[in-house]
């Protein structure tokens, strides 16, 4: 039991990105100087995306290096279909120096369940 607790605490401190619900994500997306990333496929993006989202499919995300001057100061919001691909992208962003990363827990599915608007 102690090993499990230690590992859970260690994993929680390893990645500091925050998983947020759809309503919180929508509020954050309205703030100034926010970078909104959709890491789904182009086909998924065309089916409907959040207003202002930049498409960077997870298939190419790992090849990018978004680090450098200014990334640590940006508030970055990331989402995908269900929250799994965007969690991986959030981890990459943090490894590149981002300090304020928010993952849409439940992805676009949660966004739609909350009846929030999509751009088609």
PDB file of N, CA and C in Angstrom:
ATOM      1  N   UNK A   1       0.828  -1.193   0.000  1.00  0.00           N
ATOM      2  CA  UNK A   1       0.000   0.000   0.000  1.00  0.00           C
ATOM      3  C   UNK A   1       0.872   1.256   0.000  1.00  0.00           C
ATOM      4  N   UNK A   2       1.934   1.248   0.779  1.00  0.00           N
ATOM      5  CA  UNK A   2       2.814   2.420   0.844  1.00  0.00           C
ATOM      6  C   UNK A   2       3.499   2.689  -0.493  1.00  0.00           C
ATOM      7  N   UNK A   3       3.896   1.612  -1.181  1.00  0.00           N
ATOM      8  CA  UNK A   3       4.514   1.787  -2.495  1.00  0.00           C
ATOM      9  C   UNK A   3       3.549   2.457  -3.451  1.00  0.00           C
ATOM     10  N   UNK A   4       2.295   1.996  -3.439  1.00  0.00           N
ATOM     11  CA  UNK A   4       1.288   2.570  -4.324  1.00  0.00           C
ATOM     12  C   UNK A   4       1.070   4.041  -4.014  1.00  0.00           C
ATOM     13  N   UNK A   5       0.976   4.380  -2.743  1.00  0.00           N
ATOM     14  CA  UNK A   5       0.765   5.771  -2.342  1.00  0.00           C
ATOM     15  C   UNK A   5       1.945   6.629  -2.774  1.00  0.00           C
ATOM     16  N   UNK A   6       3.156   6.128  -2.583  1.00  0.00           N
ATOM     17  CA  UNK A   6       4.340   6.867  -3.011  1.00  0.00           C
ATOM     18  C   UNK A   6       4.321   7.099  -4.515  1.00  0.00           C
ATOM     19  N   UNK A   7       4.008   6.051  -5.273  1.00  0.00           N
ATOM     20  CA  UNK A   7       3.974   6.185  -6.730  1.00  0.00           C
ATOM     21  C   UNK A   7       2.891   7.157  -7.172  1.00  0.00           C
ATOM     22  N   UNK A   8       1.742   7.140  -6.528  1.00  0.00           N
ATOM     23  CA  UNK A   8       0.659   8.056  -6.878  1.00  0.00           C
ATOM     24  C   UNK A   8       1.065   9.497  -6.609  1.00  0.00           C
ATOM     25  N   UNK A   9       1.709   9.757  -5.480  1.00  0.00           N
ATOM     26  CA  UNK A   9       2.159  11.109  -5.154  1.00  0.00           C
ATOM     27  C   UNK A   9       3.253  11.540  -6.112  1.00  0.00           C
ATOM     28  N   UNK A  10       4.188  10.640  -6.426  1.00  0.00           N
ATOM     29  CA  UNK A  10       5.264  10.948  -7.354  1.00  0.00           C
ATOM     30  C   UNK A  10       4.706  11.291  -8.736  1.00  0.00           C
ATOM     31  N   UNK A  11       3.766  10.479  -9.231  1.00  0.00           N
ATOM     32  CA  UNK A  11       3.172  10.726 -10.552  1.00  0.00           C
ATOM     33  C   UNK A  11       2.418  12.048 -10.568  1.00  0.00           C
ATOM     34  N   UNK A  12       1.751  12.385  -9.489  1.00  0.00           N
ATOM     35  CA  UNK A  12       0.988  13.635  -9.438  1.00  0.00           C
ATOM     36  C   UNK A  12       1.905  14.849  -9.481  1.00  0.00           C
ATOM     37  N   UNK A  13       3.113  14.739  -8.938  1.00  0.00           N
ATOM     38  CA  UNK A  13       4.028  15.863  -8.951  1.00  0.00           C
ATOM     39  C   UNK A  13       4.867  15.893 -10.225  1.00  0.00           C
ATOM     40  N   UNK A  14       4.956  14.781 -10.924  1.00  0.00           N
ATOM     41  CA  UNK A  14       5.751  14.718 -12.142  1.00  0.00           C
ATOM     42  C   UNK A  14       5.169  15.616 -13.231  1.00  0.00           C
ATOM     43  N   UNK A  15       3.856  15.574 -13.395  1.00  0.00           N
ATOM     44  CA  UNK A  15       3.195  16.409 -14.385  1.00  0.00           C
ATOM     45  C   UNK A  15       2.253  17.358 -13.672  1.00  0.00           C
ATOM     46  N   UNK A  16       2.435  18.627 -13.900  1.00  0.00           N
ATOM     47  CA  UNK A  16       1.653  19.629 -13.184  1.00  0.00           C
ATOM     48  C   UNK A  16       0.497  20.174 -14.007  1.00  0.00           C
ATOM     49  N   UNK A  17       0.312  19.678 -15.238  1.00  0.00           N
ATOM     50  CA  UNK A  17      -0.808  20.193 -16.007  1.00  0.00           C
ATOM     51  C   UNK A  17      -2.099  19.894 -15.257  1.00  0.00           C
ATOM     52  N   UNK A  18      -3.100  20.697 -15.533  1.00  0.00           N
ATOM     53  CA  UNK A  18      -4.355  20.554 -14.804  1.00  0.00           C
ATOM     54  C   UNK A  18      -5.448  20.025 -15.732  1.00  0.00           C
ATOM     55  N   UNK A  19      -6.120  18.965 -15.305  1.00  0.00           N
ATOM     56  CA  UNK A  19      -7.295  18.462 -16.009  1.00  0.00           C
ATOM     57  C   UNK A  19      -8.488  19.275 -15.545  1.00  0.00           C
ATOM     58  N   UNK A  20      -9.217  19.874 -16.485  1.00  0.00           N
ATOM     59  CA  UNK A  20     -10.354  20.715 -16.124  1.00  0.00           C
ATOM     60  C   UNK A  20     -11.602  20.250 -16.870  1.00  0.00           C
ATOM     61  N   UNK A  21     -12.757  20.573 -16.308  1.00  0.00           N
ATOM     62  CA  UNK A  21     -14.018  20.226 -16.963  1.00  0.00           C
ATOM     63  C   UNK A  21     -14.307  21.207 -18.098  1.00  0.00           C
ATOM     64  N   UNK A  22     -15.340  20.914 -18.861  1.00  0.00           N
ATOM     65  CA  UNK A  22     -15.657  21.700 -20.057  1.00  0.00           C
ATOM     66  C   UNK A  22     -15.988  23.151 -19.733  1.00  0.00           C
ATOM     67  N   UNK A  23     -16.749  23.393 -18.686  1.00  0.00           N
ATOM     68  CA  UNK A  23     -17.137  24.773 -18.360  1.00  0.00           C
ATOM     69  C   UNK A  23     -15.912  25.599 -17.946  1.00  0.00           C
ATOM     70  N   UNK A  24     -15.018  25.012 -17.173  1.00  0.00           N
ATOM     71  CA  UNK A  24     -13.784  25.710 -16.787  1.00  0.00           C
ATOM     72  C   UNK A  24     -12.924  25.966 -18.015  1.00  0.00           C
ATOM     73  N   UNK A  25     -12.818  24.959 -18.889  1.00  0.00           N
ATOM     74  CA  UNK A  25     -12.038  25.088 -20.119  1.00  0.00           C
ATOM     75  C   UNK A  25     -12.592  26.219 -20.982  1.00  0.00           C
ATOM     76  N   UNK A  26     -13.913  26.312 -21.084  1.00  0.00           N
ATOM     77  CA  UNK A  26     -14.553  27.370 -21.875  1.00  0.00           C
ATOM     78  C   UNK A  26     -14.240  28.748 -21.299  1.00  0.00           C
ATOM     79  N   UNK A  27     -14.248  28.851 -19.983  1.00  0.00           N
ATOM     80  CA  UNK A  27     -13.915  30.121 -19.331  1.00  0.00           C
ATOM     81  C   UNK A  27     -12.464  30.498 -19.596  1.00  0.00           C
ATOM     82  N   UNK A  28     -11.558  29.536 -19.459  1.00  0.00           N
ATOM     83  CA  UNK A  28     -10.135  29.792 -19.719  1.00  0.00           C
ATOM     84  C   UNK A  28      -9.902  30.199 -21.175  1.00  0.00           C
ATOM     85  N   UNK A  29     -10.637  29.582 -22.090  1.00  0.00           N
ATOM     86  CA  UNK A  29     -10.454  29.854 -23.522  1.00  0.00           C
ATOM     87  C   UNK A  29     -10.817  31.289 -23.885  1.00  0.00           C
ATOM     88  N   UNK A  30     -11.623  31.953 -23.074  1.00  0.00           N
ATOM     89  CA  UNK A  30     -12.040  33.331 -23.339  1.00  0.00           C
ATOM     90  C   UNK A  30     -11.028  34.361 -22.841  1.00  0.00           C
ATOM     91  N   UNK A  31     -10.035  33.927 -22.060  1.00  0.00           N
ATOM     92  CA  UNK A  31      -9.047  34.855 -21.526  1.00  0.00           C
ATOM     93  C   UNK A  31      -8.091  35.328 -22.618  1.00  0.00           C
ATOM     94  N   UNK A  32      -7.423  36.442 -22.345  1.00  0.00           N
ATOM     95  CA  UNK A  32      -6.451  36.993 -23.292  1.00  0.00           C
ATOM     96  C   UNK A  32      -5.178  36.161 -23.289  1.00  0.00           C
ATOM     97  N   UNK A  33      -4.489  36.179 -24.412  1.00  0.00           N
ATOM     98  CA  UNK A  33      -3.180  35.536 -24.560  1.00  0.00           C
ATOM     99  C   UNK A  33      -3.189  34.052 -24.223  1.00  0.00           C
ATOM    100  N   UNK A  34      -4.236  33.351 -24.640  1.00  0.00           N
ATOM    101  CA  UNK A  34      -4.338  31.908 -24.440  1.00  0.00           C
ATOM    102  C   UNK A  34      -4.030  31.211 -25.756  1.00  0.00           C
ATOM    103  N   UNK A  35      -3.302  30.119 -25.685  1.00  0.00           N
ATOM    104  CA  UNK A  35      -3.043  29.290 -26.862  1.00  0.00           C
ATOM    105  C   UNK A  35      -3.942  28.068 -26.735  1.00  0.00           C
ATOM    106  N   UNK A  36      -4.797  27.853 -27.727  1.00  0.00           N
ATOM    107  CA  UNK A  36      -5.755  26.751 -27.716  1.00  0.00           C
ATOM    108  C   UNK A  36      -5.357  25.741 -28.792  1.00  0.00           C
ATOM    109  N   UNK A  37      -5.029  24.521 -28.365  1.00  0.00           N
ATOM    110  CA  UNK A  37      -4.539  23.497 -29.283  1.00  0.00           C
ATOM    111  C   UNK A  37      -5.493  22.309 -29.348  1.00  0.00           C
ATOM    112  N   UNK A  38      -5.834  21.921 -30.565  1.00  0.00           N
ATOM    113  CA  UNK A  38      -6.627  20.723 -30.840  1.00  0.00           C
ATOM    114  C   UNK A  38      -5.647  19.700 -31.403  1.00  0.00           C
ATOM    115  N   UNK A  39      -5.497  18.558 -30.732  1.00  0.00           N
ATOM    116  CA  UNK A  39      -4.502  17.577 -31.167  1.00  0.00           C
ATOM    117  C   UNK A  39      -5.145  16.370 -31.866  1.00  0.00           C
ATOM    118  N   UNK A  40      -6.375  16.551 -32.333  1.00  0.00           N
ATOM    119  CA  UNK A  40      -7.053  15.487 -33.075  1.00  0.00           C
ATOM    120  C   UNK A  40      -6.589  15.470 -34.530  1.00  0.00           C
ATOM    121  N   UNK A  41      -7.173  14.598 -35.312  1.00  0.00           N
ATOM    122  CA  UNK A  41      -6.831  14.518 -36.732  1.00  0.00           C
ATOM    123  C   UNK A  41      -7.524  15.647 -37.498  1.00  0.00           C
ATOM    124  N   UNK A  42      -7.043  15.962 -38.693  1.00  0.00           N
ATOM    125  CA  UNK A  42      -7.733  16.974 -39.505  1.00  0.00           C
ATOM    126  C   UNK A  42      -9.202  16.631 -39.764  1.00  0.00           C
ATOM    127  N   UNK A  43      -9.515  15.363 -39.979  1.00  0.00           N
ATOM    128  CA  UNK A  43     -10.907  14.956 -40.213  1.00  0.00           C
ATOM    129  C   UNK A  43     -11.766  15.232 -38.982  1.00  0.00           C
ATOM    130  N   UNK A  44     -11.242  14.919 -37.799  1.00  0.00           N
ATOM    131  CA  UNK A  44     -11.984  15.199 -36.563  1.00  0.00           C
ATOM    132  C   UNK A  44     -12.185  16.705 -36.384  1.00  0.00           C
ATOM    133  N   UNK A  45     -11.146  17.465 -36.700  1.00  0.00           N
ATOM    134  CA  UNK A  45     -11.212  18.926 -36.582  1.00  0.00           C
ATOM    135  C   UNK A  45     -12.318  19.493 -37.470  1.00  0.00           C
ATOM    136  N   UNK A  46     -12.407  18.987 -38.705  1.00  0.00           N
ATOM    137  CA  UNK A  46     -13.434  19.462 -39.643  1.00  0.00           C
ATOM    138  C   UNK A  46     -14.847  19.135 -39.166  1.00  0.00           C
ATOM    139  N   UNK A  47     -14.995  18.059 -38.405  1.00  0.00           N
ATOM    140  CA  UNK A  47     -16.317  17.678 -37.889  1.00  0.00           C
ATOM    141  C   UNK A  47     -16.830  18.678 -36.855  1.00  0.00           C
ATOM    142  N   UNK A  48     -15.935  19.421 -36.241  1.00  0.00           N
ATOM    143  CA  UNK A  48     -16.306  20.427 -35.260  1.00  0.00           C
ATOM    144  C   UNK A  48     -15.186  20.644 -34.269  1.00  0.00           C
ATOM    145  N   UNK A  49     -14.860  21.911 -34.042  1.00  0.00           N
ATOM    146  CA  UNK A  49     -13.784  22.249 -33.117  1.00  0.00           C
ATOM    147  C   UNK A  49     -14.184  23.472 -32.301  1.00  0.00           C
ATOM    148  N   UNK A  50     -13.416  23.738 -31.275  1.00  0.00           N
ATOM    149  CA  UNK A  50     -13.661  24.882 -30.407  1.00  0.00           C
ATOM    150  C   UNK A  50     -13.163  26.144 -31.102  1.00  0.00           C
ATOM    151  N   UNK A  51     -13.963  27.200 -31.025  1.00  0.00           N
ATOM    152  CA  UNK A  51     -13.611  28.492 -31.635  1.00  0.00           C
ATOM    153  C   UNK A  51     -12.205  28.919 -31.222  1.00  0.00           C
ATOM    154  N   UNK A  52     -11.380  29.265 -32.202  1.00  0.00           N
ATOM    155  CA  UNK A  52     -10.027  29.754 -31.940  1.00  0.00           C
ATOM    156  C   UNK A  52      -8.970  28.680 -31.809  1.00  0.00           C
ATOM    157  N   UNK A  53      -9.353  27.407 -31.971  1.00  0.00           N
ATOM    158  CA  UNK A  53      -8.392  26.313 -31.816  1.00  0.00           C
ATOM    159  C   UNK A  53      -7.414  26.252 -32.979  1.00  0.00           C
ATOM    160  N   UNK A  54      -6.184  25.889 -32.662  1.00  0.00           N
ATOM    161  CA  UNK A  54      -5.135  25.641 -33.641  1.00  0.00           C
ATOM    162  C   UNK A  54      -4.963  24.131 -33.742  1.00  0.00           C
ATOM    163  N   UNK A  55      -5.019  23.597 -34.939  1.00  0.00           N
ATOM    164  CA  UNK A  55      -4.883  22.158 -35.140  1.00  0.00           C
ATOM    165  C   UNK A  55      -3.415  21.762 -35.223  1.00  0.00           C
ATOM    166  N   UNK A  56      -3.001  20.902 -34.301  1.00  0.00           N
ATOM    167  CA  UNK A  56      -1.685  20.262 -34.359  1.00  0.00           C
ATOM    168  C   UNK A  56      -1.922  18.798 -33.999  1.00  0.00           C
ATOM    169  N   UNK A  57      -2.134  17.930 -34.994  1.00  0.00           N
ATOM    170  CA  UNK A  57      -2.433  16.524 -34.709  1.00  0.00           C
ATOM    171  C   UNK A  57      -1.354  15.874 -33.840  1.00  0.00           C
ATOM    172  N   UNK A  58      -1.787  15.025 -32.927  1.00  0.00           N
ATOM    173  CA  UNK A  58      -0.861  14.362 -32.018  1.00  0.00           C
ATOM    174  C   UNK A  58       0.184  13.553 -32.789  1.00  0.00           C
ATOM    175  N   UNK A  59      -0.172  13.096 -34.001  1.00  0.00           N
ATOM    176  CA  UNK A  59       0.763  12.316 -34.801  1.00  0.00           C
ATOM    177  C   UNK A  59       2.016  13.108 -35.145  1.00  0.00           C
ATOM    178  N   UNK A  60       1.927  14.441 -35.182  1.00  0.00           N
ATOM    179  CA  UNK A  60       3.103  15.258 -35.478  1.00  0.00           C
ATOM    180  C   UNK A  60       3.557  16.058 -34.259  1.00  0.00           C
ATOM    181  N   UNK A  61       2.743  16.087 -33.231  1.00  0.00           N
ATOM    182  CA  UNK A  61       3.038  16.905 -32.054  1.00  0.00           C
ATOM    183  C   UNK A  61       4.387  16.565 -31.433  1.00  0.00           C
ATOM    184  N   UNK A  62       4.670  15.282 -31.314  1.00  0.00           N
ATOM    185  CA  UNK A  62       5.917  14.847 -30.699  1.00  0.00           C
ATOM    186  C   UNK A  62       7.165  15.251 -31.461  1.00  0.00           C
ATOM    187  N   UNK A  63       7.000  15.567 -32.747  1.00  0.00           N
ATOM    188  CA  UNK A  63       8.138  15.994 -33.555  1.00  0.00           C
ATOM    189  C   UNK A  63       8.410  17.485 -33.428  1.00  0.00           C
ATOM    190  N   UNK A  64       7.479  18.187 -32.832  1.00  0.00           N
ATOM    191  CA  UNK A  64       7.636  19.624 -32.665  1.00  0.00           C
ATOM    192  C   UNK A  64       8.476  19.913 -31.434  1.00  0.00           C
ATOM    193  N   UNK A  65       9.036  21.070 -31.395  1.00  0.00           N
ATOM    194  CA  UNK A  65       9.655  21.562 -30.171  1.00  0.00           C
ATOM    195  C   UNK A  65       9.170  22.983 -30.007  1.00  0.00           C
ATOM    196  N   UNK A  66       8.218  23.149 -29.112  1.00  0.00           N
ATOM    197  CA  UNK A  66       7.619  24.464 -28.912  1.00  0.00           C
ATOM    198  C   UNK A  66       8.280  25.227 -27.781  1.00  0.00           C
ATOM    199  N   UNK A  67       9.385  24.715 -27.289  1.00  0.00           N
ATOM    200  CA  UNK A  67      10.076  25.357 -26.175  1.00  0.00           C
ATOM    201  C   UNK A  67      10.753  26.637 -26.595  1.00  0.00           C
ATOM    202  N   UNK A  68      11.376  27.248 -25.634  1.00  0.00           N
ATOM    203  CA  UNK A  68      12.088  28.478 -25.934  1.00  0.00           C
ATOM    204  C   UNK A  68      11.437  29.666 -25.286  1.00  0.00           C
ATOM    205  N   UNK A  69      11.864  30.813 -25.707  1.00  0.00           N
ATOM    206  CA  UNK A  69      11.419  32.072 -25.109  1.00  0.00           C
ATOM    207  C   UNK A  69       9.903  32.207 -25.163  1.00  0.00           C
ATOM    208  N   UNK A  70       9.308  32.415 -24.002  1.00  0.00           N
ATOM    209  CA  UNK A  70       7.894  32.726 -23.925  1.00  0.00           C
ATOM    210  C   UNK A  70       6.951  31.565 -23.666  1.00  0.00           C
ATOM    211  N   UNK A  71       7.349  30.332 -23.948  1.00  0.00           N
ATOM    212  CA  UNK A  71       6.395  29.234 -23.769  1.00  0.00           C
ATOM    213  C   UNK A  71       6.026  29.048 -22.304  1.00  0.00           C
ATOM    214  N   UNK A  72       6.967  29.290 -21.411  1.00  0.00           N
ATOM    215  CA  UNK A  72       6.679  29.133 -19.988  1.00  0.00           C
ATOM    216  C   UNK A  72       5.673  30.146 -19.486  1.00  0.00           C
ATOM    217  N   UNK A  73       5.542  31.275 -20.175  1.00  0.00           N
ATOM    218  CA  UNK A  73       4.628  32.337 -19.761  1.00  0.00           C
ATOM    219  C   UNK A  73       3.226  32.184 -20.342  1.00  0.00           C
ATOM    220  N   UNK A  74       3.063  31.335 -21.333  1.00  0.00           N
ATOM    221  CA  UNK A  74       1.780  31.185 -22.015  1.00  0.00           C
ATOM    222  C   UNK A  74       0.845  30.272 -21.231  1.00  0.00           C
ATOM    223  N   UNK A  75      -0.442  30.595 -21.301  1.00  0.00           N
ATOM    224  CA  UNK A  75      -1.463  29.692 -20.790  1.00  0.00           C
ATOM    225  C   UNK A  75      -1.898  28.857 -21.991  1.00  0.00           C
ATOM    226  N   UNK A  76      -1.680  27.541 -21.905  1.00  0.00           N
ATOM    227  CA  UNK A  76      -1.942  26.661 -23.034  1.00  0.00           C
ATOM    228  C   UNK A  76      -3.068  25.699 -22.677  1.00  0.00           C
ATOM    229  N   UNK A  77      -4.091  25.688 -23.521  1.00  0.00           N
ATOM    230  CA  UNK A  77      -5.233  24.798 -23.366  1.00  0.00           C
ATOM    231  C   UNK A  77      -5.160  23.768 -24.472  1.00  0.00           C
ATOM    232  N   UNK A  78      -5.319  22.507 -24.127  1.00  0.00           N
ATOM    233  CA  UNK A  78      -5.182  21.438 -25.110  1.00  0.00           C
ATOM    234  C   UNK A  78      -6.342  20.457 -24.962  1.00  0.00           C
ATOM    235  N   UNK A  79      -6.836  19.984 -26.118  1.00  0.00           N
ATOM    236  CA  UNK A  79      -7.931  19.012 -26.082  1.00  0.00           C
ATOM    237  C   UNK A  79      -7.855  18.056 -27.265  1.00  0.00           C
ATOM    238  N   UNK A  80      -8.581  16.938 -27.121  1.00  0.00           N
ATOM    239  CA  UNK A  80      -8.696  15.949 -28.181  1.00  0.00           C
ATOM    240  C   UNK A  80     -10.114  15.376 -28.138  1.00  0.00           C
ATOM    241  N   UNK A  81     -10.287  14.148 -28.551  1.00  0.00           N
ATOM    242  CA  UNK A  81     -11.607  13.532 -28.579  1.00  0.00           C
ATOM    243  C   UNK A  81     -12.094  13.165 -27.173  1.00  0.00           C
ATOM    244  N   UNK A  82     -11.231  12.484 -26.395  1.00  0.00           N
ATOM    245  CA  UNK A  82     -11.654  12.000 -25.080  1.00  0.00           C
ATOM    246  C   UNK A  82     -10.739  12.420 -23.930  1.00  0.00           C
ATOM    247  N   UNK A  83      -9.657  13.095 -24.228  1.00  0.00           N
ATOM    248  CA  UNK A  83      -8.739  13.560 -23.186  1.00  0.00           C
ATOM    249  C   UNK A  83      -7.434  12.796 -23.075  1.00  0.00           C
ATOM    250  N   UNK A  84      -7.299  11.684 -23.794  1.00  0.00           N
ATOM    251  CA  UNK A  84      -6.081  10.878 -23.692  1.00  0.00           C
ATOM    252  C   UNK A  84      -4.925  11.442 -24.519  1.00  0.00           C
ATOM    253  N   UNK A  85      -5.177  11.745 -25.777  1.00  0.00           N
ATOM    254  CA  UNK A  85      -4.114  12.303 -26.626  1.00  0.00           C
ATOM    255  C   UNK A  85      -3.671  13.662 -26.112  1.00  0.00           C
ATOM    256  N   UNK A  86      -4.635  14.454 -25.646  1.00  0.00           N
ATOM    257  CA  UNK A  86      -4.287  15.790 -25.145  1.00  0.00           C
ATOM    258  C   UNK A  86      -3.498  15.707 -23.840  1.00  0.00           C
ATOM    259  N   UNK A  87      -3.715  14.668 -23.040  1.00  0.00           N
ATOM    260  CA  UNK A  87      -2.912  14.490 -21.822  1.00  0.00           C
ATOM    261  C   UNK A  87      -1.450  14.257 -22.197  1.00  0.00           C
ATOM    262  N   UNK A  88      -1.225  13.469 -23.246  1.00  0.00           N
ATOM    263  CA  UNK A  88       0.144  13.235 -23.726  1.00  0.00           C
ATOM    264  C   UNK A  88       0.755  14.543 -24.238  1.00  0.00           C
ATOM    265  N   UNK A  89      -0.035  15.308 -24.984  1.00  0.00           N
ATOM    266  CA  UNK A  89       0.447  16.603 -25.483  1.00  0.00           C
ATOM    267  C   UNK A  89       0.764  17.537 -24.319  1.00  0.00           C
ATOM    268  N   UNK A  90      -0.059  17.520 -23.284  1.00  0.00           N
ATOM    269  CA  UNK A  90       0.186  18.357 -22.097  1.00  0.00           C
ATOM    270  C   UNK A  90       1.518  17.983 -21.453  1.00  0.00           C
ATOM    271  N   UNK A  91       1.812  16.702 -21.396  1.00  0.00           N
ATOM    272  CA  UNK A  91       3.092  16.254 -20.838  1.00  0.00           C
ATOM    273  C   UNK A  91       4.255  16.763 -21.675  1.00  0.00           C
ATOM    274  N   UNK A  92       4.139  16.688 -23.003  1.00  0.00           N
ATOM    275  CA  UNK A  92       5.187  17.210 -23.884  1.00  0.00           C
ATOM    276  C   UNK A  92       5.360  18.712 -23.664  1.00  0.00           C
ATOM    277  N   UNK A  93       4.261  19.435 -23.609  1.00  0.00           N
ATOM    278  CA  UNK A  93       4.337  20.887 -23.410  1.00  0.00           C
ATOM    279  C   UNK A  93       5.080  21.229 -22.131  1.00  0.00           C
ATOM    280  N   UNK A  94       4.792  20.513 -21.078  1.00  0.00           N
ATOM    281  CA  UNK A  94       5.493  20.766 -19.820  1.00  0.00           C
ATOM    282  C   UNK A  94       6.975  20.418 -19.933  1.00  0.00           C
ATOM    283  N   UNK A  95       7.292  19.345 -20.643  1.00  0.00           N
ATOM    284  CA  UNK A  95       8.707  18.984 -20.796  1.00  0.00           C
ATOM    285  C   UNK A  95       9.458  20.026 -21.609  1.00  0.00           C
ATOM    286  N   UNK A  96       8.730  20.814 -22.412  1.00  0.00           N
ATOM    287  CA  UNK A  96       9.327  21.883 -23.211  1.00  0.00           C
ATOM    288  C   UNK A  96       9.354  23.211 -22.473  1.00  0.00           C
ATOM    289  N   UNK A  97       8.880  23.218 -21.213  1.00  0.00           N
ATOM    290  CA  UNK A  97       8.985  24.431 -20.412  1.00  0.00           C
ATOM    291  C   UNK A  97       7.687  25.157 -20.120  1.00  0.00           C
ATOM    292  N   UNK A  98       6.555  24.681 -20.626  1.00  0.00           N
ATOM    293  CA  UNK A  98       5.273  25.333 -20.338  1.00  0.00           C
ATOM    294  C   UNK A  98       4.909  25.111 -18.871  1.00  0.00           C
ATOM    295  N   UNK A  99       4.439  26.163 -18.226  1.00  0.00           N
ATOM    296  CA  UNK A  99       4.122  26.079 -16.800  1.00  0.00           C
ATOM    297  C   UNK A  99       2.633  26.134 -16.514  1.00  0.00           C
ATOM    298  N   UNK A 100       1.847  26.608 -17.462  1.00  0.00           N
ATOM    299  CA  UNK A 100       0.390  26.723 -17.256  1.00  0.00           C
ATOM    300  C   UNK A 100      -0.329  25.994 -18.388  1.00  0.00           C
ATOM    301  N   UNK A 101      -0.498  24.693 -18.199  1.00  0.00           N
ATOM    302  CA  UNK A 101      -1.113  23.843 -19.219  1.00  0.00           C
ATOM    303  C   UNK A 101      -2.401  23.255 -18.646  1.00  0.00           C
ATOM    304  N   UNK A 102      -3.466  23.322 -19.450  1.00  0.00           N
ATOM    305  CA  UNK A 102      -4.774  22.823 -19.040  1.00  0.00           C
ATOM    306  C   UNK A 102      -5.275  21.834 -20.084  1.00  0.00           C
ATOM    307  N   UNK A 103      -5.644  20.654 -19.621  1.00  0.00           N
ATOM    308  CA  UNK A 103      -6.172  19.594 -20.482  1.00  0.00           C
ATOM    309  C   UNK A 103      -7.677  19.494 -20.274  1.00  0.00           C
ATOM    310  N   UNK A 104      -8.432  19.451 -21.366  1.00  0.00           N
ATOM    311  CA  UNK A 104      -9.878  19.278 -21.284  1.00  0.00           C
ATOM    312  C   UNK A 104     -10.159  17.816 -20.946  1.00  0.00           C
ATOM    313  N   UNK A 105     -10.452  17.578 -19.674  1.00  0.00           N
ATOM    314  CA  UNK A 105     -10.770  16.236 -19.204  1.00  0.00           C
ATOM    315  C   UNK A 105     -12.028  15.767 -19.941  1.00  0.00           C
ATOM    316  N   UNK A 106     -11.961  14.617 -20.564  1.00  0.00           N
ATOM    317  CA  UNK A 106     -13.115  14.120 -21.309  1.00  0.00           C
ATOM    318  C   UNK A 106     -13.172  14.610 -22.741  1.00  0.00           C
ATOM    319  N   UNK A 107     -12.263  15.501 -23.112  1.00  0.00           N
ATOM    320  CA  UNK A 107     -12.139  15.961 -24.485  1.00  0.00           C
ATOM    321  C   UNK A 107     -13.393  16.598 -25.069  1.00  0.00           C
ATOM    322  N   UNK A 108     -13.464  16.566 -26.385  1.00  0.00           N
ATOM    323  CA  UNK A 108     -14.578  17.188 -27.098  1.00  0.00           C
ATOM    324  C   UNK A 108     -15.892  16.507 -26.739  1.00  0.00           C
ATOM    325  N   UNK A 109     -15.825  15.251 -26.309  1.00  0.00           N
ATOM    326  CA  UNK A 109     -17.038  14.552 -25.874  1.00  0.00           C
ATOM    327  C   UNK A 109     -17.657  15.250 -24.665  1.00  0.00           C
ATOM    328  N   UNK A 110     -16.826  15.639 -23.704  1.00  0.00           N
ATOM    329  CA  UNK A 110     -17.330  16.358 -22.534  1.00  0.00           C
ATOM    330  C   UNK A 110     -17.827  17.751 -22.926  1.00  0.00           C
ATOM    331  N   UNK A 111     -17.126  18.387 -23.853  1.00  0.00           N
ATOM    332  CA  UNK A 111     -17.523  19.708 -24.352  1.00  0.00           C
ATOM    333  C   UNK A 111     -18.938  19.635 -24.943  1.00  0.00           C
ATOM    334  N   UNK A 112     -19.168  18.636 -25.774  1.00  0.00           N
ATOM    335  CA  UNK A 112     -20.480  18.467 -26.397  1.00  0.00           C
ATOM    336  C   UNK A 112     -21.547  18.107 -25.362  1.00  0.00           C
ATOM    337  N   UNK A 113     -21.200  17.279 -24.390  1.00  0.00           N
ATOM    338  CA  UNK A 113     -22.148  16.900 -23.339  1.00  0.00           C
ATOM    339  C   UNK A 113     -22.583  18.118 -22.530  1.00  0.00           C
ATOM    340  N   UNK A 114     -21.674  19.102 -22.413  1.00  0.00           N
ATOM    341  CA  UNK A 114     -21.996  20.345 -21.690  1.00  0.00           C
ATOM    342  C   UNK A 114     -22.752  21.322 -22.595  1.00  0.00           C
ATOM    343  N   UNK A 115     -23.030  20.901 -23.821  1.00  0.00           N
ATOM    344  CA  UNK A 115     -23.771  21.704 -24.801  1.00  0.00           C
ATOM    345  C   UNK A 115     -23.079  23.028 -25.124  1.00  0.00           C
ATOM    346  N   UNK A 116     -21.754  22.967 -25.209  1.00  0.00           N
ATOM    347  CA  UNK A 116     -20.965  24.138 -25.585  1.00  0.00           C
ATOM    348  C   UNK A 116     -20.806  24.163 -27.101  1.00  0.00           C
ATOM    349  N   UNK A 117     -20.634  25.333 -27.698  1.00  0.00           N
ATOM    350  CA  UNK A 117     -20.644  25.451 -29.164  1.00  0.00           C
ATOM    351  C   UNK A 117     -19.371  24.946 -29.837  1.00  0.00           C
ATOM    352  N   UNK A 118     -19.556  24.450 -31.047  1.00  0.00           N
ATOM    353  CA  UNK A 118     -18.452  24.023 -31.912  1.00  0.00           C
ATOM    354  C   UNK A 118     -18.524  24.809 -33.212  1.00  0.00           C
ATOM    355  N   UNK A 119     -17.378  25.002 -33.821  1.00  0.00           N
ATOM    356  CA  UNK A 119     -17.294  25.602 -35.148  1.00  0.00           C
ATOM    357  C   UNK A 119     -17.221  24.447 -36.133  1.00  0.00           C
ATOM    358  N   UNK A 120     -18.042  24.512 -37.155  1.00  0.00           N
ATOM    359  CA  UNK A 120     -18.045  23.441 -38.190  1.00  0.00           C
ATOM    360  C   UNK A 120     -17.716  24.039 -39.529  1.00  0.00           C
TER     361      UNK A 120
END
